[in-house]
Amino acid sequence: MTDKRLLDLEEIRRLKHYYYCHCIDRGVAGDEAAFDEHRARFTETATADFTPFPPFEGKAAVLGYLTGTVPEALSYSHHRVMNEVIDIDGDEAAGQWYFDCPVVWRPGNVFELSGPGIIFGRYEERYVREDGEWKWQHITALLDVVTDADLPWGDVKWLHKNR
């Protein structure tokens, strides 16, 4: 493996770990500066698909969801991503990540849940290098479990779907 490939892998990991997980969680907690860092890492033509919402097209729509709708639904989130598979082809790449995310649901959210909860699933993403930085071109969140924390583990409904 070349030094450049290793650097690209680490930059994509940082994109996900810091510019997504860390910045989203800080933003949900009320840190607008974290959302500013996050915004800079999307292409203008970015797209996203997060169940149960319709797909988002364009940077403004994607960021409207991530920096507006998400904090309206959650008062706390703690993203953890793992088991990444990243394939790089020049200035384009694809990644898959498992995630779990303990949350606290705000009243009236789209999932109709309240209090502490958990989301499990997988991200499927495409990236491009623009001006020397890796950015998101597309994010799909495949939600396997969306539940409140009071539900016994054996009663969890495995969704295994995006739509």
Protein backbone atom coordinates (compact mmCIF):
# COMPACT_ATOMS: atom_id res chain seq x y z
CA MET A 1 0.00 0.00 0.00
CA THR A 2 1.42 3.37 -0.96
CA ASP A 3 1.97 6.27 1.41
CA LYS A 4 -0.55 8.32 -0.60
CA ARG A 5 -3.20 5.62 -0.25
CA LEU A 6 -2.59 5.44 3.51
CA LEU A 7 -2.92 9.21 3.78
CA ASP A 8 -6.15 9.13 1.75
CA LEU A 9 -7.59 6.42 4.02
CA GLU A 10 -6.74 8.44 7.13
CA GLU A 11 -8.22 11.62 5.65
CA ILE A 12 -11.48 9.81 4.83
CA ARG A 13 -11.57 8.30 8.33
CA ARG A 14 -11.08 11.79 9.78
CA LEU A 15 -13.84 13.08 7.50
CA LYS A 16 -16.22 10.54 9.03
CA HIS A 17 -15.00 10.50 12.63
CA TYR A 18 -14.43 14.20 13.11
CA TYR A 19 -16.39 16.13 10.47
CA TYR A 20 -19.44 13.91 10.77
CA CYS A 21 -19.67 12.15 14.14
CA HIS A 22 -17.93 14.72 16.31
CA CYS A 23 -19.33 17.80 14.58
CA ILE A 24 -22.92 16.50 14.41
CA ASP A 25 -22.86 15.54 18.09
CA ARG A 26 -21.45 18.92 19.10
CA GLY A 27 -23.98 20.67 16.87
CA VAL A 28 -26.89 18.74 18.39
CA ALA A 29 -25.59 19.92 21.78
CA GLY A 30 -25.85 23.53 20.54
CA ASP A 31 -22.34 24.27 19.22
CA GLU A 32 -23.01 26.14 15.95
CA ALA A 33 -19.26 26.36 15.22
CA ALA A 34 -19.24 22.57 14.88
CA PHE A 35 -21.88 22.79 12.17
CA ASP A 36 -19.75 25.39 10.37
CA GLU A 37 -16.86 22.91 10.23
CA HIS A 38 -19.25 20.21 9.02
CA ARG A 39 -20.76 22.37 6.24
CA ALA A 40 -17.40 22.84 4.53
CA ARG A 41 -17.03 19.11 3.85
CA PHE A 42 -19.87 18.62 1.34
CA THR A 43 -19.79 19.13 -2.40
CA GLU A 44 -22.29 21.59 -3.88
CA THR A 45 -24.05 18.65 -5.58
CA ALA A 46 -24.13 16.42 -2.48
CA THR A 47 -27.08 14.08 -1.97
CA ALA A 48 -28.32 12.16 1.06
CA ASP A 49 -30.92 9.55 1.92
CA PHE A 50 -31.95 9.30 5.57
CA THR A 51 -35.03 7.26 6.41
CA PRO A 52 -37.87 8.27 6.92
CA PHE A 53 -37.26 11.49 5.03
CA PRO A 54 -37.33 11.92 1.27
CA PRO A 55 -33.90 12.00 -0.42
CA PHE A 56 -32.09 15.34 -0.26
CA GLU A 57 -30.44 16.83 -3.34
CA GLY A 58 -27.86 19.61 -3.19
CA LYS A 59 -25.64 20.82 -0.39
CA ALA A 60 -28.23 23.23 1.03
CA ALA A 61 -30.89 20.51 1.33
CA VAL A 62 -28.51 17.97 2.86
CA LEU A 63 -27.20 20.48 5.39
CA GLY A 64 -30.70 21.74 6.15
CA TYR A 65 -31.51 18.23 7.33
CA LEU A 66 -28.26 17.57 9.21
CA THR A 67 -28.02 20.97 10.93
CA GLY A 68 -31.74 21.70 11.26
CA THR A 69 -33.97 18.62 11.35
CA VAL A 70 -31.55 16.41 13.33
CA PRO A 71 -31.14 18.89 16.25
CA GLU A 72 -34.91 19.42 16.23
CA ALA A 73 -35.39 15.65 16.79
CA LEU A 74 -32.52 15.06 19.24
CA SER A 75 -31.25 16.84 22.32
CA TYR A 76 -28.25 14.48 22.55
CA SER A 77 -26.42 12.14 20.19
CA HIS A 78 -23.21 10.15 20.44
CA HIS A 79 -22.25 8.72 17.04
CA ARG A 80 -19.85 5.80 16.95
CA VAL A 81 -18.73 4.36 13.63
CA MET A 82 -16.74 1.20 13.06
CA ASN A 83 -15.92 -1.66 10.67
CA GLU A 84 -15.26 0.71 7.81
CA VAL A 85 -14.57 -0.51 4.32
CA ILE A 86 -13.08 2.24 2.14
CA ASP A 87 -12.29 1.85 -1.55
CA ILE A 88 -10.30 4.63 -3.25
CA ASP A 89 -10.01 5.18 -6.98
CA GLY A 90 -7.96 8.32 -7.66
CA ASP A 91 -9.99 11.36 -6.51
CA GLU A 92 -13.13 9.33 -5.81
CA ALA A 93 -13.86 6.89 -3.01
CA ALA A 94 -16.66 4.85 -1.46
CA GLY A 95 -17.10 3.89 2.16
CA GLN A 96 -19.30 1.67 4.28
CA TRP A 97 -19.52 2.05 8.05
CA TYR A 98 -21.50 0.36 10.81
CA PHE A 99 -22.75 2.76 13.45
CA ASP A 100 -24.51 2.92 16.76
CA CYS A 101 -25.77 6.15 18.19
CA PRO A 102 -27.20 6.57 21.68
CA VAL A 103 -29.60 9.52 21.58
CA VAL A 104 -32.12 11.48 23.61
CA TRP A 105 -35.27 12.12 21.60
CA ARG A 106 -36.97 15.51 21.72
CA PRO A 107 -40.78 15.48 22.02
CA GLY A 108 -42.66 15.49 18.72
CA ASN A 109 -39.90 13.95 16.58
CA VAL A 110 -40.70 12.10 13.36
CA PHE A 111 -39.99 8.69 14.94
CA GLU A 112 -42.57 9.37 17.69
CA LEU A 113 -40.09 8.27 20.37
CA SER A 114 -39.23 10.04 23.60
CA GLY A 115 -36.40 10.08 26.09
CA PRO A 116 -33.26 7.95 25.78
CA GLY A 117 -32.93 5.80 22.69
CA ILE A 118 -30.58 4.11 20.27
CA ILE A 119 -30.09 4.00 16.52
CA PHE A 120 -28.10 1.19 14.84
CA GLY A 121 -27.33 0.93 11.18
CA ARG A 122 -24.90 1.40 8.35
CA TYR A 123 -23.72 4.31 6.26
CA GLU A 124 -22.96 3.93 2.57
CA GLU A 125 -21.05 6.94 1.28
CA ARG A 126 -19.31 8.34 -1.78
CA TYR A 127 -16.54 10.91 -1.56
CA VAL A 128 -14.63 13.12 -3.96
CA ARG A 129 -11.43 15.07 -3.52
CA GLU A 130 -12.02 18.78 -4.20
CA ASP A 131 -9.22 21.33 -3.87
CA GLY A 132 -7.12 18.73 -2.06
CA GLU A 133 -9.81 17.82 0.54
CA TRP A 134 -12.07 14.78 0.70
CA LYS A 135 -15.75 15.74 0.75
CA TRP A 136 -19.07 13.93 0.75
CA GLN A 137 -20.81 13.44 -2.55
CA HIS A 138 -23.49 11.13 -1.14
CA ILE A 139 -24.58 9.62 2.21
CA THR A 140 -27.17 6.90 2.71
CA ALA A 141 -28.13 5.89 6.25
CA LEU A 142 -29.46 2.34 6.35
CA LEU A 143 -31.31 2.20 9.66
CA ASP A 144 -31.45 -1.25 11.22
CA VAL A 145 -32.83 -0.27 14.64
CA VAL A 146 -34.50 2.93 15.83
CA THR A 147 -35.93 2.58 19.32
CA ASP A 148 -36.21 4.03 22.77
CA ALA A 149 -33.99 2.71 25.54
CA ASP A 150 -36.87 1.23 27.54
CA LEU A 151 -37.60 -1.50 25.01
CA PRO A 152 -36.06 -4.84 26.06
CA TRP A 153 -33.33 -5.87 23.61
CA GLY A 154 -35.17 -9.06 22.65
CA ASP A 155 -38.19 -7.03 21.51
CA VAL A 156 -36.27 -4.75 19.13
CA LYS A 157 -37.66 -4.73 15.60
CA TRP A 158 -34.86 -5.08 13.09
CA LEU A 159 -35.73 -2.82 10.19
CA HIS A 160 -32.87 -3.78 7.84
CA LYS A 161 -33.92 -1.18 5.32
CA ASN A 162 -33.63 2.38 4.25
CA ARG A 163 -37.16 2.90 2.97
